[in-house]
Amino acid sequence: MSFELPKLHYKYDSLEPLIDARTMEIHHSKHHAGYTNNLNNALKETGLEGKNIEELLAGVSDLSTAIRNNGGGYFNHNLYWEILAPGGAPNPEGELLDAINHSFENLEKFKDIFVKAALTRFGSGWAWLLKKDNGLVVTSTPNQDNPLMDLSEVQGTPVLGIDVWEHAYYLNYQNRRPDYVEAFWKLINWDEVARRFKG
C-alpha cells in the first residue's frame, strides 16, 4: 500500500486573493506530490509499507532521513489543506474555544502566541496548535518535522498548522511572512480544527 496525494476539497483559485491559484497549484501538485512520491520510494523494501503515517512518525528517530523529511511533508500538507477553506468561519466556537480560553486566557492571546511562533521560526518550518493531556499548546518545528515525531521537542496531536516555508507564500507575499500569517486567519476551517480537537 502506498501513500497517495489527496485531492483538495476546493479549487486552486478558491483561496484568492489571500493565497493565489499559482501558489496553490505549485504547492499541491509539485511540493506535496514530491513528498508523497519520495516517501513511497523511501519506504520500498523497508518492511514498513503497511504502517500508517502516524505510526511511521511516532518512531521516526529510528528511520531514514528521507522517511523523516518526506513523511513529515506528506502529513503536514495533508493537515494544512484540510484546515484551510474559502470564507472560513471567523473564530472557533464551543469546546475548542473553551479549551483555547482555558490554555491561553483568551482567543487574542492565543493568536498572538501562534503568530509569534510562525514569525520567529527561523528559515523553513511550521507553527502548530497541539492537543496534549493538559490542554492546548503552541509550538513550532523546523523543516518538515512535526509534533507527532518522537524526536520533536514538544510532542502532541496537531489540530492546526501553518506552513511557513517560502514556497507557501512567496509568489504573492515575497518576504512579507507577517502578511501571509495575517491572511491565514481568514482562511481557517475552524470546523475541521474542532473535529481534530475532538478526535
N, C-alpha and C. Protein backbone atom coordinates (compact mmCIF):
# COMPACT_ATOMS: atom_id res chain seq x y z
N MET A 1 0.84 -1.18 0.00
CA MET A 1 0.00 0.00 0.00
C MET A 1 0.88 1.24 0.00
N SER A 2 0.63 2.14 -0.92
CA SER A 2 1.43 3.36 -0.98
C SER A 2 0.58 4.56 -0.61
N PHE A 3 1.24 5.61 -0.18
CA PHE A 3 0.54 6.85 0.16
C PHE A 3 0.16 7.59 -1.11
N GLU A 4 -0.97 8.27 -1.08
CA GLU A 4 -1.48 8.97 -2.25
C GLU A 4 -1.65 10.45 -1.96
N LEU A 5 -1.39 11.26 -2.98
CA LEU A 5 -1.62 12.69 -2.86
C LEU A 5 -3.12 12.93 -2.74
N PRO A 6 -3.57 13.59 -1.68
CA PRO A 6 -5.01 13.81 -1.53
C PRO A 6 -5.54 14.85 -2.51
N LYS A 7 -6.78 14.69 -2.90
CA LYS A 7 -7.44 15.72 -3.70
C LYS A 7 -7.93 16.83 -2.77
N LEU A 8 -7.82 18.05 -3.23
CA LEU A 8 -8.31 19.17 -2.44
C LEU A 8 -9.83 19.25 -2.53
N HIS A 9 -10.47 19.74 -1.47
CA HIS A 9 -11.93 19.88 -1.48
C HIS A 9 -12.35 21.27 -1.96
N TYR A 10 -11.44 21.97 -2.62
CA TYR A 10 -11.72 23.26 -3.23
C TYR A 10 -10.76 23.42 -4.41
N LYS A 11 -11.01 24.41 -5.24
CA LYS A 11 -10.17 24.63 -6.41
C LYS A 11 -8.94 25.46 -6.04
N TYR A 12 -7.94 25.41 -6.90
CA TYR A 12 -6.71 26.15 -6.63
C TYR A 12 -6.95 27.65 -6.47
N ASP A 13 -7.96 28.19 -7.14
CA ASP A 13 -8.21 29.63 -7.04
C ASP A 13 -9.22 29.99 -5.95
N SER A 14 -9.66 29.01 -5.18
CA SER A 14 -10.71 29.25 -4.19
C SER A 14 -10.27 30.14 -3.02
N LEU A 15 -8.96 30.20 -2.77
CA LEU A 15 -8.47 30.96 -1.62
C LEU A 15 -7.97 32.35 -2.01
N GLU A 16 -8.14 32.69 -3.30
CA GLU A 16 -7.73 34.03 -3.74
C GLU A 16 -8.64 35.09 -3.12
N PRO A 17 -8.15 36.30 -2.88
CA PRO A 17 -6.80 36.77 -3.21
C PRO A 17 -5.76 36.48 -2.13
N LEU A 18 -6.18 35.83 -1.04
CA LEU A 18 -5.28 35.67 0.10
C LEU A 18 -4.15 34.68 -0.19
N ILE A 19 -4.48 33.58 -0.87
CA ILE A 19 -3.46 32.67 -1.39
C ILE A 19 -3.80 32.46 -2.86
N ASP A 20 -2.86 32.80 -3.73
CA ASP A 20 -3.14 32.81 -5.16
C ASP A 20 -3.15 31.40 -5.75
N ALA A 21 -3.82 31.26 -6.87
CA ALA A 21 -4.01 29.95 -7.51
C ALA A 21 -2.69 29.32 -7.92
N ARG A 22 -1.76 30.14 -8.42
CA ARG A 22 -0.47 29.58 -8.88
C ARG A 22 0.31 28.99 -7.72
N THR A 23 0.32 29.69 -6.58
CA THR A 23 0.98 29.15 -5.39
C THR A 23 0.32 27.84 -4.97
N MET A 24 -1.00 27.82 -4.95
CA MET A 24 -1.71 26.60 -4.56
C MET A 24 -1.38 25.44 -5.49
N GLU A 25 -1.38 25.70 -6.78
CA GLU A 25 -1.10 24.65 -7.76
C GLU A 25 0.31 24.09 -7.58
N ILE A 26 1.29 24.97 -7.47
CA ILE A 26 2.67 24.52 -7.30
C ILE A 26 2.84 23.80 -5.96
N HIS A 27 2.27 24.36 -4.92
CA HIS A 27 2.40 23.82 -3.58
C HIS A 27 1.83 22.40 -3.51
N HIS A 28 0.64 22.21 -4.08
CA HIS A 28 -0.03 20.92 -4.03
C HIS A 28 0.52 19.94 -5.05
N SER A 29 0.57 20.34 -6.31
CA SER A 29 0.89 19.39 -7.39
C SER A 29 2.38 19.14 -7.55
N LYS A 30 3.22 20.00 -7.00
CA LYS A 30 4.68 19.82 -7.09
C LYS A 30 5.29 19.46 -5.74
N HIS A 31 5.15 20.36 -4.77
CA HIS A 31 5.79 20.12 -3.47
C HIS A 31 5.16 18.93 -2.74
N HIS A 32 3.85 18.96 -2.54
CA HIS A 32 3.20 17.88 -1.80
C HIS A 32 3.29 16.56 -2.58
N ALA A 33 3.13 16.64 -3.88
CA ALA A 33 3.28 15.42 -4.70
C ALA A 33 4.69 14.87 -4.59
N GLY A 34 5.68 15.76 -4.54
CA GLY A 34 7.06 15.31 -4.39
C GLY A 34 7.29 14.60 -3.07
N TYR A 35 6.78 15.16 -1.97
CA TYR A 35 6.92 14.50 -0.68
C TYR A 35 6.25 13.12 -0.70
N THR A 36 5.10 13.05 -1.33
CA THR A 36 4.35 11.79 -1.39
C THR A 36 5.13 10.74 -2.17
N ASN A 37 5.59 11.09 -3.34
CA ASN A 37 6.35 10.14 -4.17
C ASN A 37 7.66 9.74 -3.50
N ASN A 38 8.36 10.70 -2.92
CA ASN A 38 9.63 10.40 -2.27
C ASN A 38 9.45 9.54 -1.02
N LEU A 39 8.35 9.74 -0.31
CA LEU A 39 8.05 8.89 0.85
C LEU A 39 7.84 7.45 0.40
N ASN A 40 7.04 7.27 -0.64
CA ASN A 40 6.80 5.91 -1.15
C ASN A 40 8.10 5.25 -1.60
N ASN A 41 8.96 6.00 -2.26
CA ASN A 41 10.24 5.45 -2.70
C ASN A 41 11.13 5.10 -1.52
N ALA A 42 11.12 5.94 -0.48
CA ALA A 42 11.95 5.70 0.69
C ALA A 42 11.49 4.48 1.48
N LEU A 43 10.20 4.16 1.36
CA LEU A 43 9.65 3.02 2.12
C LEU A 43 9.83 1.68 1.41
N LYS A 44 10.18 1.71 0.14
CA LYS A 44 10.32 0.47 -0.62
C LYS A 44 11.34 -0.45 0.04
N GLU A 45 10.94 -1.69 0.22
CA GLU A 45 11.80 -2.75 0.75
C GLU A 45 12.27 -2.47 2.18
N THR A 46 11.50 -1.67 2.93
CA THR A 46 11.83 -1.45 4.35
C THR A 46 11.01 -2.35 5.26
N GLY A 47 9.93 -2.94 4.71
CA GLY A 47 9.01 -3.71 5.54
C GLY A 47 8.04 -2.85 6.30
N LEU A 48 8.03 -1.55 6.02
CA LEU A 48 7.17 -0.61 6.75
C LEU A 48 5.97 -0.15 5.93
N GLU A 49 5.81 -0.71 4.74
CA GLU A 49 4.80 -0.20 3.81
C GLU A 49 3.38 -0.27 4.36
N GLY A 50 3.10 -1.16 5.30
CA GLY A 50 1.75 -1.30 5.82
C GLY A 50 1.40 -0.34 6.94
N LYS A 51 2.37 0.38 7.44
CA LYS A 51 2.11 1.29 8.56
C LYS A 51 1.44 2.57 8.07
N ASN A 52 0.59 3.16 8.92
CA ASN A 52 0.00 4.44 8.56
C ASN A 52 1.00 5.56 8.89
N ILE A 53 0.72 6.76 8.45
CA ILE A 53 1.69 7.84 8.57
C ILE A 53 1.95 8.19 10.03
N GLU A 54 0.93 8.13 10.87
CA GLU A 54 1.13 8.46 12.28
C GLU A 54 2.06 7.45 12.96
N GLU A 55 1.93 6.17 12.60
CA GLU A 55 2.82 5.14 13.16
C GLU A 55 4.26 5.38 12.73
N LEU A 56 4.45 5.73 11.47
CA LEU A 56 5.80 6.00 10.98
C LEU A 56 6.43 7.18 11.73
N LEU A 57 5.67 8.25 11.88
CA LEU A 57 6.21 9.44 12.51
C LEU A 57 6.51 9.22 13.99
N ALA A 58 5.71 8.37 14.64
CA ALA A 58 5.92 8.11 16.07
C ALA A 58 7.26 7.44 16.35
N GLY A 59 7.80 6.73 15.37
CA GLY A 59 9.09 6.06 15.54
C GLY A 59 10.13 6.55 14.57
N VAL A 60 10.02 7.79 14.14
CA VAL A 60 10.85 8.28 13.04
C VAL A 60 12.32 8.40 13.40
N SER A 61 12.64 8.48 14.69
CA SER A 61 14.05 8.60 15.08
C SER A 61 14.86 7.37 14.69
N ASP A 62 14.18 6.25 14.48
CA ASP A 62 14.86 5.02 14.07
C ASP A 62 14.86 4.84 12.55
N LEU A 63 14.29 5.79 11.82
CA LEU A 63 14.14 5.63 10.37
C LEU A 63 15.08 6.58 9.62
N SER A 64 15.07 6.46 8.32
CA SER A 64 15.99 7.26 7.50
C SER A 64 15.57 8.72 7.46
N THR A 65 16.54 9.57 7.11
CA THR A 65 16.25 10.99 6.94
C THR A 65 15.22 11.20 5.85
N ALA A 66 15.26 10.38 4.81
CA ALA A 66 14.30 10.51 3.71
C ALA A 66 12.88 10.25 4.19
N ILE A 67 12.70 9.26 5.05
CA ILE A 67 11.36 8.98 5.59
C ILE A 67 10.92 10.11 6.52
N ARG A 68 11.85 10.60 7.34
CA ARG A 68 11.52 11.71 8.25
C ARG A 68 11.08 12.94 7.46
N ASN A 69 11.89 13.36 6.49
CA ASN A 69 11.59 14.59 5.76
C ASN A 69 10.33 14.46 4.91
N ASN A 70 10.22 13.38 4.16
CA ASN A 70 9.08 13.23 3.26
C ASN A 70 7.82 12.76 3.96
N GLY A 71 7.98 11.96 5.01
CA GLY A 71 6.81 11.58 5.82
C GLY A 71 6.23 12.79 6.52
N GLY A 72 7.10 13.65 7.04
CA GLY A 72 6.63 14.89 7.65
C GLY A 72 5.96 15.79 6.64
N GLY A 73 6.59 15.93 5.46
CA GLY A 73 5.99 16.76 4.42
C GLY A 73 4.64 16.24 3.97
N TYR A 74 4.51 14.92 3.90
CA TYR A 74 3.24 14.31 3.49
C TYR A 74 2.16 14.61 4.53
N PHE A 75 2.44 14.31 5.80
CA PHE A 75 1.44 14.51 6.85
C PHE A 75 1.10 15.99 7.01
N ASN A 76 2.13 16.84 7.08
CA ASN A 76 1.91 18.26 7.36
C ASN A 76 1.01 18.91 6.32
N HIS A 77 1.25 18.58 5.06
CA HIS A 77 0.44 19.19 4.00
C HIS A 77 -0.97 18.62 3.97
N ASN A 78 -1.14 17.34 4.29
CA ASN A 78 -2.49 16.79 4.39
C ASN A 78 -3.31 17.60 5.39
N LEU A 79 -2.71 17.90 6.54
CA LEU A 79 -3.41 18.68 7.56
C LEU A 79 -3.66 20.11 7.06
N TYR A 80 -2.64 20.70 6.48
CA TYR A 80 -2.73 22.10 6.02
C TYR A 80 -3.89 22.31 5.05
N TRP A 81 -4.01 21.43 4.05
CA TRP A 81 -5.11 21.59 3.08
C TRP A 81 -6.46 21.45 3.75
N GLU A 82 -6.56 20.55 4.73
CA GLU A 82 -7.85 20.31 5.37
C GLU A 82 -8.29 21.45 6.28
N ILE A 83 -7.33 22.15 6.88
CA ILE A 83 -7.73 23.21 7.81
C ILE A 83 -7.85 24.57 7.11
N LEU A 84 -7.69 24.58 5.79
CA LEU A 84 -7.96 25.79 5.01
C LEU A 84 -9.32 25.67 4.33
N ALA A 85 -10.01 26.77 4.18
CA ALA A 85 -11.29 26.77 3.48
C ALA A 85 -11.60 28.18 3.00
N PRO A 86 -12.19 28.31 1.82
CA PRO A 86 -12.61 29.64 1.37
C PRO A 86 -13.71 30.17 2.27
N GLY A 87 -13.54 31.41 2.71
CA GLY A 87 -14.56 32.01 3.57
C GLY A 87 -14.75 31.28 4.87
N GLY A 88 -13.64 30.89 5.50
CA GLY A 88 -13.71 30.13 6.75
C GLY A 88 -14.42 30.90 7.85
N ALA A 89 -14.96 30.17 8.84
CA ALA A 89 -15.61 30.81 9.98
C ALA A 89 -14.62 31.73 10.67
N PRO A 90 -15.06 32.89 11.15
CA PRO A 90 -14.13 33.87 11.70
C PRO A 90 -13.41 33.42 12.97
N ASN A 91 -14.06 32.58 13.76
CA ASN A 91 -13.48 32.20 15.06
C ASN A 91 -13.89 30.79 15.46
N PRO A 92 -13.11 30.16 16.32
CA PRO A 92 -13.52 28.87 16.88
C PRO A 92 -14.70 29.06 17.83
N GLU A 93 -15.42 27.97 18.06
CA GLU A 93 -16.59 28.02 18.93
C GLU A 93 -16.61 26.79 19.85
N GLY A 94 -17.54 26.77 20.77
CA GLY A 94 -17.82 25.59 21.58
C GLY A 94 -16.64 25.08 22.39
N GLU A 95 -16.48 23.75 22.39
CA GLU A 95 -15.45 23.12 23.22
C GLU A 95 -14.05 23.59 22.84
N LEU A 96 -13.81 23.78 21.55
CA LEU A 96 -12.50 24.24 21.12
C LEU A 96 -12.20 25.63 21.66
N LEU A 97 -13.15 26.54 21.56
CA LEU A 97 -12.94 27.88 22.10
C LEU A 97 -12.75 27.83 23.61
N ASP A 98 -13.51 26.99 24.30
CA ASP A 98 -13.34 26.84 25.75
C ASP A 98 -11.92 26.38 26.08
N ALA A 99 -11.42 25.42 25.31
CA ALA A 99 -10.07 24.90 25.54
C ALA A 99 -9.02 25.97 25.27
N ILE A 100 -9.22 26.77 24.22
CA ILE A 100 -8.30 27.87 23.92
C ILE A 100 -8.30 28.88 25.06
N ASN A 101 -9.48 29.24 25.54
CA ASN A 101 -9.58 30.19 26.65
C ASN A 101 -8.93 29.64 27.91
N HIS A 102 -9.09 28.35 28.14
CA HIS A 102 -8.51 27.71 29.33
C HIS A 102 -6.99 27.70 29.25
N SER A 103 -6.45 27.43 28.05
CA SER A 103 -5.00 27.27 27.90
C SER A 103 -4.26 28.58 27.69
N PHE A 104 -4.94 29.58 27.09
CA PHE A 104 -4.25 30.83 26.72
C PHE A 104 -4.91 32.08 27.28
N GLU A 105 -5.92 31.93 28.11
CA GLU A 105 -6.71 33.02 28.71
C GLU A 105 -7.80 33.52 27.78
N ASN A 106 -7.45 33.80 26.50
CA ASN A 106 -8.48 34.22 25.55
C ASN A 106 -7.97 34.01 24.13
N LEU A 107 -8.86 34.22 23.17
CA LEU A 107 -8.54 33.95 21.77
C LEU A 107 -7.43 34.88 21.26
N GLU A 108 -7.46 36.14 21.66
CA GLU A 108 -6.45 37.08 21.17
C GLU A 108 -5.06 36.71 21.66
N LYS A 109 -4.95 36.26 22.89
CA LYS A 109 -3.63 35.84 23.40
C LYS A 109 -3.15 34.60 22.66
N PHE A 110 -4.06 33.67 22.38
CA PHE A 110 -3.68 32.51 21.58
C PHE A 110 -3.15 32.94 20.22
N LYS A 111 -3.87 33.83 19.55
CA LYS A 111 -3.43 34.30 18.23
C LYS A 111 -2.06 34.95 18.30
N ASP A 112 -1.83 35.76 19.32
CA ASP A 112 -0.53 36.42 19.47
C ASP A 112 0.59 35.39 19.62
N ILE A 113 0.35 34.36 20.43
CA ILE A 113 1.37 33.32 20.66
C ILE A 113 1.61 32.52 19.39
N PHE A 114 0.54 32.20 18.68
CA PHE A 114 0.65 31.42 17.44
C PHE A 114 1.40 32.22 16.37
N VAL A 115 1.04 33.49 16.23
CA VAL A 115 1.70 34.35 15.24
C VAL A 115 3.19 34.47 15.57
N LYS A 116 3.52 34.65 16.83
CA LYS A 116 4.93 34.75 17.22
C LYS A 116 5.68 33.47 16.86
N ALA A 117 5.05 32.30 17.10
CA ALA A 117 5.69 31.03 16.75
C ALA A 117 5.93 30.93 15.25
N ALA A 118 4.98 31.43 14.45
CA ALA A 118 5.12 31.37 12.99
C ALA A 118 6.18 32.35 12.49
N LEU A 119 6.24 33.52 13.09
CA LEU A 119 7.15 34.56 12.60
C LEU A 119 8.58 34.37 13.08
N THR A 120 8.76 33.70 14.21
CA THR A 120 10.10 33.54 14.76
C THR A 120 10.72 32.19 14.40
N ARG A 121 10.00 31.35 13.66
CA ARG A 121 10.60 30.10 13.17
C ARG A 121 11.64 30.47 12.13
N PHE A 122 12.89 30.29 12.45
CA PHE A 122 13.97 30.69 11.54
C PHE A 122 14.01 29.76 10.33
N GLY A 123 14.13 30.36 9.16
CA GLY A 123 14.20 29.56 7.94
C GLY A 123 12.85 28.93 7.64
N SER A 124 12.85 27.65 7.30
CA SER A 124 11.63 26.95 6.90
C SER A 124 11.09 26.11 8.05
N GLY A 125 9.78 25.98 8.08
CA GLY A 125 9.18 25.15 9.13
C GLY A 125 7.69 25.39 9.26
N TRP A 126 7.18 25.07 10.44
CA TRP A 126 5.75 25.11 10.71
C TRP A 126 5.50 25.66 12.11
N ALA A 127 4.34 26.28 12.32
CA ALA A 127 3.83 26.59 13.65
C ALA A 127 2.57 25.77 13.87
N TRP A 128 2.37 25.33 15.11
CA TRP A 128 1.32 24.36 15.43
C TRP A 128 0.51 24.75 16.65
N LEU A 129 -0.76 24.36 16.64
CA LEU A 129 -1.58 24.28 17.85
C LEU A 129 -1.75 22.80 18.12
N LEU A 130 -1.35 22.37 19.33
CA LEU A 130 -1.37 20.95 19.68
C LEU A 130 -2.35 20.66 20.79
N LYS A 131 -2.91 19.46 20.72
CA LYS A 131 -3.69 18.94 21.84
C LYS A 131 -2.78 18.04 22.66
N LYS A 132 -2.72 18.31 23.96
CA LYS A 132 -1.97 17.48 24.89
C LYS A 132 -2.90 17.11 26.05
N ASP A 133 -2.45 16.22 26.90
CA ASP A 133 -3.29 15.77 28.01
C ASP A 133 -3.73 16.93 28.90
N ASN A 134 -2.85 17.93 29.06
CA ASN A 134 -3.16 19.03 29.96
C ASN A 134 -3.70 20.27 29.25
N GLY A 135 -4.14 20.11 28.01
CA GLY A 135 -4.73 21.23 27.30
C GLY A 135 -4.08 21.48 25.95
N LEU A 136 -4.12 22.71 25.50
CA LEU A 136 -3.58 23.09 24.20
C LEU A 136 -2.25 23.81 24.36
N VAL A 137 -1.37 23.61 23.40
CA VAL A 137 -0.03 24.20 23.43
C VAL A 137 0.31 24.69 22.03
N VAL A 138 1.03 25.79 21.92
CA VAL A 138 1.56 26.28 20.65
C VAL A 138 3.05 25.98 20.60
N THR A 139 3.51 25.51 19.45
CA THR A 139 4.93 25.27 19.25
C THR A 139 5.26 25.46 17.78
N SER A 140 6.53 25.31 17.44
CA SER A 140 6.93 25.32 16.04
C SER A 140 8.00 24.26 15.83
N THR A 141 8.15 23.83 14.57
CA THR A 141 9.14 22.81 14.24
C THR A 141 9.89 23.24 12.98
N PRO A 142 11.14 22.80 12.85
CA PRO A 142 11.90 23.12 11.65
C PRO A 142 11.55 22.20 10.48
N ASN A 143 11.82 22.69 9.29
CA ASN A 143 11.73 21.87 8.07
C ASN A 143 10.36 21.22 7.96
N GLN A 144 10.30 19.88 7.76
CA GLN A 144 9.01 19.19 7.72
C GLN A 144 8.77 18.34 8.97
N ASP A 145 9.47 18.64 10.04
CA ASP A 145 9.20 17.95 11.31
C ASP A 145 7.82 18.36 11.82
N ASN A 146 7.27 17.54 12.70
CA ASN A 146 6.01 17.89 13.34
C ASN A 146 5.93 17.25 14.73
N PRO A 147 4.97 17.67 15.55
CA PRO A 147 4.91 17.21 16.94
C PRO A 147 4.48 15.76 17.13
N LEU A 148 4.13 15.04 16.08
CA LEU A 148 3.88 13.60 16.21
C LEU A 148 5.18 12.82 16.27
N MET A 149 6.27 13.42 15.83
CA MET A 149 7.55 12.72 15.77
C MET A 149 8.14 12.53 17.16
N ASP A 150 8.70 11.35 17.40
CA ASP A 150 9.27 11.06 18.70
C ASP A 150 10.49 11.91 19.02
N LEU A 151 11.07 12.57 18.03
CA LEU A 151 12.22 13.43 18.27
C LEU A 151 11.85 14.90 18.39
N SER A 152 10.55 15.20 18.33
CA SER A 152 10.11 16.59 18.43
C SER A 152 10.30 17.11 19.86
N GLU A 153 10.75 18.34 19.96
CA GLU A 153 10.98 18.96 21.27
C GLU A 153 9.70 19.03 22.08
N VAL A 154 8.59 19.37 21.43
CA VAL A 154 7.27 19.39 22.08
C VAL A 154 6.38 18.42 21.31
N GLN A 155 5.86 17.41 21.99
CA GLN A 155 5.04 16.40 21.32
C GLN A 155 3.57 16.58 21.67
N GLY A 156 2.72 16.19 20.73
CA GLY A 156 1.29 16.29 20.92
C GLY A 156 0.60 16.03 19.60
N THR A 157 -0.71 16.18 19.59
CA THR A 157 -1.51 15.94 18.39
C THR A 157 -1.83 17.28 17.72
N PRO A 158 -1.32 17.50 16.51
CA PRO A 158 -1.60 18.77 15.83
C PRO A 158 -3.08 18.90 15.45
N VAL A 159 -3.65 20.05 15.77
CA VAL A 159 -5.03 20.33 15.34
C VAL A 159 -5.08 21.52 14.38
N LEU A 160 -4.01 22.32 14.36
CA LEU A 160 -3.91 23.47 13.47
C LEU A 160 -2.43 23.66 13.14
N GLY A 161 -2.13 23.92 11.87
CA GLY A 161 -0.74 24.14 11.49
C GLY A 161 -0.64 25.11 10.33
N ILE A 162 0.40 25.94 10.36
CA ILE A 162 0.66 26.85 9.24
C ILE A 162 2.04 26.57 8.68
N ASP A 163 2.09 26.45 7.37
CA ASP A 163 3.33 26.21 6.64
C ASP A 163 4.02 27.56 6.45
N VAL A 164 5.23 27.72 7.02
CA VAL A 164 5.95 28.98 6.82
C VAL A 164 7.21 28.78 5.95
N TRP A 165 7.23 27.70 5.16
CA TRP A 165 8.21 27.60 4.09
C TRP A 165 7.88 28.70 3.07
N GLU A 166 8.90 29.26 2.44
CA GLU A 166 8.64 30.32 1.47
C GLU A 166 7.78 29.86 0.31
N HIS A 167 7.84 28.56 -0.04
CA HIS A 167 7.02 28.11 -1.17
C HIS A 167 5.52 28.25 -0.89
N ALA A 168 5.14 28.41 0.37
CA ALA A 168 3.73 28.55 0.72
C ALA A 168 3.18 29.94 0.43
N TYR A 169 4.08 30.93 0.27
CA TYR A 169 3.58 32.30 0.17
C TYR A 169 4.39 33.24 -0.72
N TYR A 170 5.54 32.82 -1.23
CA TYR A 170 6.48 33.79 -1.81
C TYR A 170 5.98 34.46 -3.09
N LEU A 171 5.22 33.77 -3.92
CA LEU A 171 4.76 34.39 -5.17
C LEU A 171 3.87 35.60 -4.89
N ASN A 172 3.07 35.51 -3.85
CA ASN A 172 2.12 36.57 -3.52
C ASN A 172 2.69 37.58 -2.53
N TYR A 173 3.49 37.10 -1.57
CA TYR A 173 3.91 37.95 -0.45
C TYR A 173 5.41 38.24 -0.42
N GLN A 174 6.18 37.60 -1.30
CA GLN A 174 7.63 37.74 -1.30
C GLN A 174 8.18 37.48 0.13
N ASN A 175 8.89 38.43 0.70
CA ASN A 175 9.48 38.21 2.02
C ASN A 175 8.56 38.66 3.16
N ARG A 176 7.31 38.96 2.86
CA ARG A 176 6.39 39.51 3.86
C ARG A 176 5.64 38.39 4.58
N ARG A 177 6.38 37.57 5.30
CA ARG A 177 5.73 36.47 6.04
C ARG A 177 4.62 36.97 6.96
N PRO A 178 4.78 38.11 7.66
CA PRO A 178 3.69 38.57 8.53
C PRO A 178 2.37 38.77 7.79
N ASP A 179 2.42 39.25 6.55
CA ASP A 179 1.18 39.46 5.79
C ASP A 179 0.51 38.13 5.46
N TYR A 180 1.32 37.13 5.12
CA TYR A 180 0.78 35.78 4.85
C TYR A 180 0.16 35.19 6.11
N VAL A 181 0.83 35.33 7.25
CA VAL A 181 0.30 34.78 8.51
C VAL A 181 -1.01 35.47 8.87
N GLU A 182 -1.09 36.79 8.65
CA GLU A 182 -2.33 37.52 8.92
C GLU A 182 -3.46 37.02 8.01
N ALA A 183 -3.15 36.78 6.74
CA ALA A 183 -4.16 36.29 5.80
C ALA A 183 -4.64 34.89 6.19
N PHE A 184 -3.77 34.09 6.74
CA PHE A 184 -4.09 32.71 7.13
C PHE A 184 -5.31 32.65 8.05
N TRP A 185 -5.42 33.62 8.97
CA TRP A 185 -6.53 33.62 9.93
C TRP A 185 -7.89 33.72 9.24
N LYS A 186 -7.93 34.29 8.04
CA LYS A 186 -9.19 34.47 7.32
C LYS A 186 -9.58 33.25 6.51
N LEU A 187 -8.72 32.21 6.53
CA LEU A 187 -8.96 31.02 5.72
C LEU A 187 -9.11 29.75 6.53
N ILE A 188 -9.04 29.85 7.84
CA ILE A 188 -9.07 28.65 8.67
C ILE A 188 -10.46 28.03 8.69
N ASN A 189 -10.51 26.73 8.47
CA ASN A 189 -11.73 25.95 8.58
C ASN A 189 -11.84 25.48 10.04
N TRP A 190 -12.45 26.32 10.87
CA TRP A 190 -12.49 26.02 12.30
C TRP A 190 -13.30 24.77 12.61
N ASP A 191 -14.23 24.40 11.73
CA ASP A 191 -14.97 23.15 11.93
C ASP A 191 -14.02 21.95 11.86
N GLU A 192 -13.06 21.99 10.93
CA GLU A 192 -12.08 20.91 10.82
C GLU A 192 -11.12 20.91 12.00
N VAL A 193 -10.72 22.08 12.43
CA VAL A 193 -9.85 22.17 13.62
C VAL A 193 -10.58 21.58 14.83
N ALA A 194 -11.85 21.92 14.98
CA ALA A 194 -12.65 21.38 16.09
C ALA A 194 -12.79 19.86 15.99
N ARG A 195 -12.97 19.35 14.77
CA ARG A 195 -13.07 17.90 14.58
C ARG A 195 -11.79 17.20 15.03
N ARG A 196 -10.66 17.78 14.67
CA ARG A 196 -9.37 17.19 15.07
C ARG A 196 -9.17 17.30 16.57
N PHE A 197 -9.64 18.39 17.16
CA PHE A 197 -9.53 18.56 18.60
C PHE A 197 -10.34 17.50 19.35
N LYS A 198 -11.52 17.18 18.82
CA LYS A 198 -12.38 16.18 19.49
C LYS A 198 -11.95 14.74 19.20
N GLY A 199 -11.21 14.55 18.07
CA GLY A 199 -10.85 13.22 17.62
C GLY A 199 -9.88 12.47 18.50
